[in-house]
Amino acid sequence: MNDNELRCWLLQAEFKVSDPLQANINGTIANATTPLMHAARMGNIEVLNALLERGADPALLNTDRNGALWFACFANSEACVAALINADAPLDSQNVNGATALIYCASAGKTSLVRLLLDAGANTALMTLDDFTALELSANYDCLKMLKEVRAA
């Protein structure tokens, strides 16, 4: 994706655009949402990769303390999740409810994403504010089985 295409995408999403483009690559809109978070929420791997190539920070969190990785999980985008893991997005950040990407994916039954997060080393012991782990919130048998195997190892 070239700079002009990315500039158009940013403008359509109502982000401020500066010149050079990288100068405001981590600028925010409502709820402290960055362009990377927005691309992840849309499951747009092309834009997500373009933003990462230009220095977007995968560690930033919005007002609810969700990051781009959490939004990629919400979008059910294996490609975006994998790209963010490769970009060293924090695996274990906890949002305002204490949920991590792993807890969210397990509770939503997103089996393939649970596998990606576990393979990347996501912490299975973290708890929500209500003291539930990903294992306890697993929505399907496959997630439950994977998390039990990790716990047993």
C-alpha atoms as a PDB file:
ATOM      1  CA  MET A   1       0.000   0.000   0.000  1.00  0.00           C
ATOM      2  CA  ASN A   2       1.489   3.335  -0.995  1.00  0.00           C
ATOM      3  CA  ASP A   3       1.388   6.539   1.037  1.00  0.00           C
ATOM      4  CA  ASN A   4      -1.486   8.043  -0.960  1.00  0.00           C
ATOM      5  CA  GLU A   5      -3.682   4.971  -0.446  1.00  0.00           C
ATOM      6  CA  LEU A   6      -2.907   4.935   3.258  1.00  0.00           C
ATOM      7  CA  ARG A   7      -3.518   8.695   3.490  1.00  0.00           C
ATOM      8  CA  CYS A   8      -6.982   8.207   1.923  1.00  0.00           C
ATOM      9  CA  TRP A   9      -7.779   5.358   4.323  1.00  0.00           C
ATOM     10  CA  LEU A  10      -6.755   7.482   7.305  1.00  0.00           C
ATOM     11  CA  LEU A  11      -8.872  10.410   6.141  1.00  0.00           C
ATOM     12  CA  GLN A  12     -11.908   8.180   5.553  1.00  0.00           C
ATOM     13  CA  ALA A  13     -11.514   6.872   9.100  1.00  0.00           C
ATOM     14  CA  GLU A  14     -11.360  10.509  10.317  1.00  0.00           C
ATOM     15  CA  PHE A  15      -7.727  10.468  11.459  1.00  0.00           C
ATOM     16  CA  LYS A  16      -5.594  13.572  11.066  1.00  0.00           C
ATOM     17  CA  VAL A  17      -2.979  13.185   8.370  1.00  0.00           C
ATOM     18  CA  SER A  18       0.377  14.901   8.483  1.00  0.00           C
ATOM     19  CA  ASP A  19       3.291  15.180   6.128  1.00  0.00           C
ATOM     20  CA  PRO A  20       5.394  13.134   6.296  1.00  0.00           C
ATOM     21  CA  LEU A  21       2.801  10.452   6.931  1.00  0.00           C
ATOM     22  CA  GLN A  22       4.769   8.818   9.770  1.00  0.00           C
ATOM     23  CA  ALA A  23       4.665  12.010  11.854  1.00  0.00           C
ATOM     24  CA  ASN A  24       1.145  11.235  13.158  1.00  0.00           C
ATOM     25  CA  ILE A  25       0.954   7.460  12.595  1.00  0.00           C
ATOM     26  CA  ASN A  26      -0.131   6.942  16.224  1.00  0.00           C
ATOM     27  CA  GLY A  27      -2.642   9.813  16.327  1.00  0.00           C
ATOM     28  CA  THR A  28      -5.997   9.026  17.880  1.00  0.00           C
ATOM     29  CA  ILE A  29      -9.699   9.534  17.357  1.00  0.00           C
ATOM     30  CA  ALA A  30     -12.541   8.853  19.818  1.00  0.00           C
ATOM     31  CA  ASN A  31     -11.751   6.583  22.776  1.00  0.00           C
ATOM     32  CA  ALA A  32      -8.000   7.001  22.087  1.00  0.00           C
ATOM     33  CA  THR A  33      -8.293   4.686  19.084  1.00  0.00           C
ATOM     34  CA  THR A  34      -5.184   4.614  16.906  1.00  0.00           C
ATOM     35  CA  PRO A  35      -5.122   3.841  13.180  1.00  0.00           C
ATOM     36  CA  LEU A  36      -3.572   0.446  13.983  1.00  0.00           C
ATOM     37  CA  MET A  37      -6.418  -0.389  16.368  1.00  0.00           C
ATOM     38  CA  HIS A  38      -8.964   0.675  13.771  1.00  0.00           C
ATOM     39  CA  ALA A  39      -7.341  -1.407  11.017  1.00  0.00           C
ATOM     40  CA  ALA A  40      -7.209  -4.397  13.379  1.00  0.00           C
ATOM     41  CA  ARG A  41     -10.881  -3.960  14.323  1.00  0.00           C
ATOM     42  CA  MET A  42     -11.750  -3.968  10.637  1.00  0.00           C
ATOM     43  CA  GLY A  43      -9.547  -7.029  10.043  1.00  0.00           C
ATOM     44  CA  ASN A  44      -7.752  -5.075   7.325  1.00  0.00           C
ATOM     45  CA  ILE A  45      -4.369  -6.797   7.063  1.00  0.00           C
ATOM     46  CA  GLU A  46      -3.192  -4.614   4.165  1.00  0.00           C
ATOM     47  CA  VAL A  47      -3.649  -1.383   6.123  1.00  0.00           C
ATOM     48  CA  LEU A  48      -2.413  -2.978   9.339  1.00  0.00           C
ATOM     49  CA  ASN A  49       0.841  -4.056   7.652  1.00  0.00           C
ATOM     50  CA  ALA A  50       1.247  -0.634   6.033  1.00  0.00           C
ATOM     51  CA  LEU A  51       0.863   1.039   9.420  1.00  0.00           C
ATOM     52  CA  LEU A  52       3.331  -1.323  11.089  1.00  0.00           C
ATOM     53  CA  GLU A  53       5.848  -0.708   8.285  1.00  0.00           C
ATOM     54  CA  ARG A  54       5.569   3.017   8.959  1.00  0.00           C
ATOM     55  CA  GLY A  55       6.161   2.715  12.685  1.00  0.00           C
ATOM     56  CA  ALA A  56       2.718   2.304  14.244  1.00  0.00           C
ATOM     57  CA  ASP A  57       3.083   1.229  17.863  1.00  0.00           C
ATOM     58  CA  PRO A  58       1.349  -2.115  18.584  1.00  0.00           C
ATOM     59  CA  ALA A  59       1.694  -1.568  22.348  1.00  0.00           C
ATOM     60  CA  LEU A  60      -0.653   1.423  22.606  1.00  0.00           C
ATOM     61  CA  LEU A  61      -3.957   0.996  24.442  1.00  0.00           C
ATOM     62  CA  ASN A  62      -7.227   2.876  24.071  1.00  0.00           C
ATOM     63  CA  THR A  63      -9.267   4.392  26.902  1.00  0.00           C
ATOM     64  CA  ASP A  64     -10.693   0.954  27.741  1.00  0.00           C
ATOM     65  CA  ARG A  65      -7.120  -0.420  27.798  1.00  0.00           C
ATOM     66  CA  ASN A  66      -7.687  -2.553  24.686  1.00  0.00           C
ATOM     67  CA  GLY A  67      -4.908  -2.667  22.111  1.00  0.00           C
ATOM     68  CA  ALA A  68      -4.664  -3.558  18.455  1.00  0.00           C
ATOM     69  CA  LEU A  69      -4.242  -7.254  19.304  1.00  0.00           C
ATOM     70  CA  TRP A  70      -7.538  -7.288  21.185  1.00  0.00           C
ATOM     71  CA  PHE A  71      -9.261  -5.596  18.235  1.00  0.00           C
ATOM     72  CA  ALA A  72      -7.775  -8.100  15.770  1.00  0.00           C
ATOM     73  CA  CYS A  73      -9.197 -10.856  17.970  1.00  0.00           C
ATOM     74  CA  PHE A  74     -12.572  -9.097  18.000  1.00  0.00           C
ATOM     75  CA  ALA A  75     -12.447  -9.041  14.177  1.00  0.00           C
ATOM     76  CA  ASN A  76     -11.575 -12.759  14.198  1.00  0.00           C
ATOM     77  CA  SER A  77      -8.656 -11.996  11.874  1.00  0.00           C
ATOM     78  CA  GLU A  78      -5.954 -14.645  12.143  1.00  0.00           C
ATOM     79  CA  ALA A  79      -3.792 -12.665   9.710  1.00  0.00           C
ATOM     80  CA  CYS A  80      -3.966  -9.485  11.807  1.00  0.00           C
ATOM     81  CA  VAL A  81      -3.399 -11.368  15.068  1.00  0.00           C
ATOM     82  CA  ALA A  82      -0.350 -13.126  13.604  1.00  0.00           C
ATOM     83  CA  ALA A  83       1.055  -9.858  12.230  1.00  0.00           C
ATOM     84  CA  LEU A  84       0.624  -8.116  15.582  1.00  0.00           C
ATOM     85  CA  ILE A  85       2.234 -11.001  17.453  1.00  0.00           C
ATOM     86  CA  ASN A  86       5.172 -10.801  15.035  1.00  0.00           C
ATOM     87  CA  ALA A  87       5.334  -7.037  15.699  1.00  0.00           C
ATOM     88  CA  ASP A  88       5.664  -7.728  19.447  1.00  0.00           C
ATOM     89  CA  ALA A  89       2.223  -6.515  20.447  1.00  0.00           C
ATOM     90  CA  PRO A  90       1.821  -7.195  24.171  1.00  0.00           C
ATOM     91  CA  LEU A  91       0.042 -10.520  24.599  1.00  0.00           C
ATOM     92  CA  ASP A  92      -1.095 -10.072  28.164  1.00  0.00           C
ATOM     93  CA  SER A  93      -2.358  -6.512  28.519  1.00  0.00           C
ATOM     94  CA  GLN A  94      -5.538  -6.442  30.556  1.00  0.00           C
ATOM     95  CA  ASN A  95      -8.397  -4.112  29.741  1.00  0.00           C
ATOM     96  CA  VAL A  96     -10.502  -2.241  32.301  1.00  0.00           C
ATOM     97  CA  ASN A  97     -12.347  -5.490  33.084  1.00  0.00           C
ATOM     98  CA  GLY A  98      -9.119  -7.446  33.454  1.00  0.00           C
ATOM     99  CA  ALA A  99      -9.697  -9.380  30.237  1.00  0.00           C
ATOM    100  CA  THR A 100      -6.754 -10.234  28.007  1.00  0.00           C
ATOM    101  CA  ALA A 101      -6.957 -11.153  24.327  1.00  0.00           C
ATOM    102  CA  LEU A 102      -6.701 -14.819  25.380  1.00  0.00           C
ATOM    103  CA  ILE A 103      -9.541 -14.506  27.896  1.00  0.00           C
ATOM    104  CA  TYR A 104     -11.699 -12.757  25.308  1.00  0.00           C
ATOM    105  CA  CYS A 105     -10.978 -15.346  22.588  1.00  0.00           C
ATOM    106  CA  ALA A 106     -11.592 -18.300  24.908  1.00  0.00           C
ATOM    107  CA  SER A 107     -14.857 -16.797  26.154  1.00  0.00           C
ATOM    108  CA  ALA A 108     -15.993 -16.144  22.570  1.00  0.00           C
ATOM    109  CA  GLY A 109     -15.029 -19.619  21.344  1.00  0.00           C
ATOM    110  CA  LYS A 110     -12.447 -18.308  18.877  1.00  0.00           C
ATOM    111  CA  THR A 111     -10.497 -21.572  18.821  1.00  0.00           C
ATOM    112  CA  SER A 112      -7.944 -20.743  16.122  1.00  0.00           C
ATOM    113  CA  LEU A 113      -7.081 -17.465  17.821  1.00  0.00           C
ATOM    114  CA  VAL A 114      -6.701 -19.169  21.198  1.00  0.00           C
ATOM    115  CA  ARG A 115      -4.190 -21.513  19.529  1.00  0.00           C
ATOM    116  CA  LEU A 116      -2.257 -18.555  18.023  1.00  0.00           C
ATOM    117  CA  LEU A 117      -2.117 -16.757  21.365  1.00  0.00           C
ATOM    118  CA  LEU A 118      -1.087 -19.872  23.280  1.00  0.00           C
ATOM    119  CA  ASP A 119       1.623 -20.670  20.729  1.00  0.00           C
ATOM    120  CA  ALA A 120       2.916 -17.105  21.168  1.00  0.00           C
ATOM    121  CA  GLY A 121       3.129 -17.583  24.949  1.00  0.00           C
ATOM    122  CA  ALA A 122       0.035 -15.810  26.274  1.00  0.00           C
ATOM    123  CA  ASN A 123      -0.314 -16.083  30.050  1.00  0.00           C
ATOM    124  CA  THR A 124      -3.133 -18.471  30.977  1.00  0.00           C
ATOM    125  CA  ALA A 125      -3.101 -17.583  34.689  1.00  0.00           C
ATOM    126  CA  LEU A 126      -4.303 -13.978  34.378  1.00  0.00           C
ATOM    127  CA  MET A 127      -7.799 -13.253  35.699  1.00  0.00           C
ATOM    128  CA  THR A 128     -10.584 -10.831  34.996  1.00  0.00           C
ATOM    129  CA  LEU A 129     -11.751  -8.465  37.723  1.00  0.00           C
ATOM    130  CA  ASP A 130     -14.303 -11.171  38.616  1.00  0.00           C
ATOM    131  CA  ASP A 131     -11.454 -13.703  39.139  1.00  0.00           C
ATOM    132  CA  PHE A 132     -12.040 -15.817  36.022  1.00  0.00           C
ATOM    133  CA  THR A 133      -9.257 -17.195  33.829  1.00  0.00           C
ATOM    134  CA  ALA A 134      -9.447 -18.033  30.143  1.00  0.00           C
ATOM    135  CA  LEU A 135      -9.874 -21.698  31.107  1.00  0.00           C
ATOM    136  CA  GLU A 136     -12.857 -20.959  33.338  1.00  0.00           C
ATOM    137  CA  LEU A 137     -14.500 -18.819  30.666  1.00  0.00           C
ATOM    138  CA  SER A 138     -13.911 -21.181  27.725  1.00  0.00           C
ATOM    139  CA  ALA A 139     -16.949 -21.218  25.477  1.00  0.00           C
ATOM    140  CA  ASN A 140     -16.252 -24.502  23.697  1.00  0.00           C
ATOM    141  CA  TYR A 141     -14.599 -27.849  24.228  1.00  0.00           C
ATOM    142  CA  ASP A 142     -11.625 -27.160  21.930  1.00  0.00           C
ATOM    143  CA  CYS A 143     -10.633 -24.007  23.807  1.00  0.00           C
ATOM    144  CA  LEU A 144     -11.124 -25.764  27.130  1.00  0.00           C
ATOM    145  CA  LYS A 145      -8.961 -28.699  26.004  1.00  0.00           C
ATOM    146  CA  MET A 146      -6.130 -26.459  24.735  1.00  0.00           C
ATOM    147  CA  LEU A 147      -6.077 -24.423  27.924  1.00  0.00           C
ATOM    148  CA  LYS A 148      -6.149 -27.538  30.128  1.00  0.00           C
ATOM    149  CA  GLU A 149      -3.201 -28.954  28.176  1.00  0.00           C
ATOM    150  CA  VAL A 150      -1.186 -25.779  28.735  1.00  0.00           C
ATOM    151  CA  ARG A 151      -2.032 -25.783  32.428  1.00  0.00           C
ATOM    152  CA  ALA A 152      -0.973 -29.424  32.766  1.00  0.00           C
ATOM    153  CA  ALA A 153       2.362 -28.844  31.020  1.00  0.00           C
END
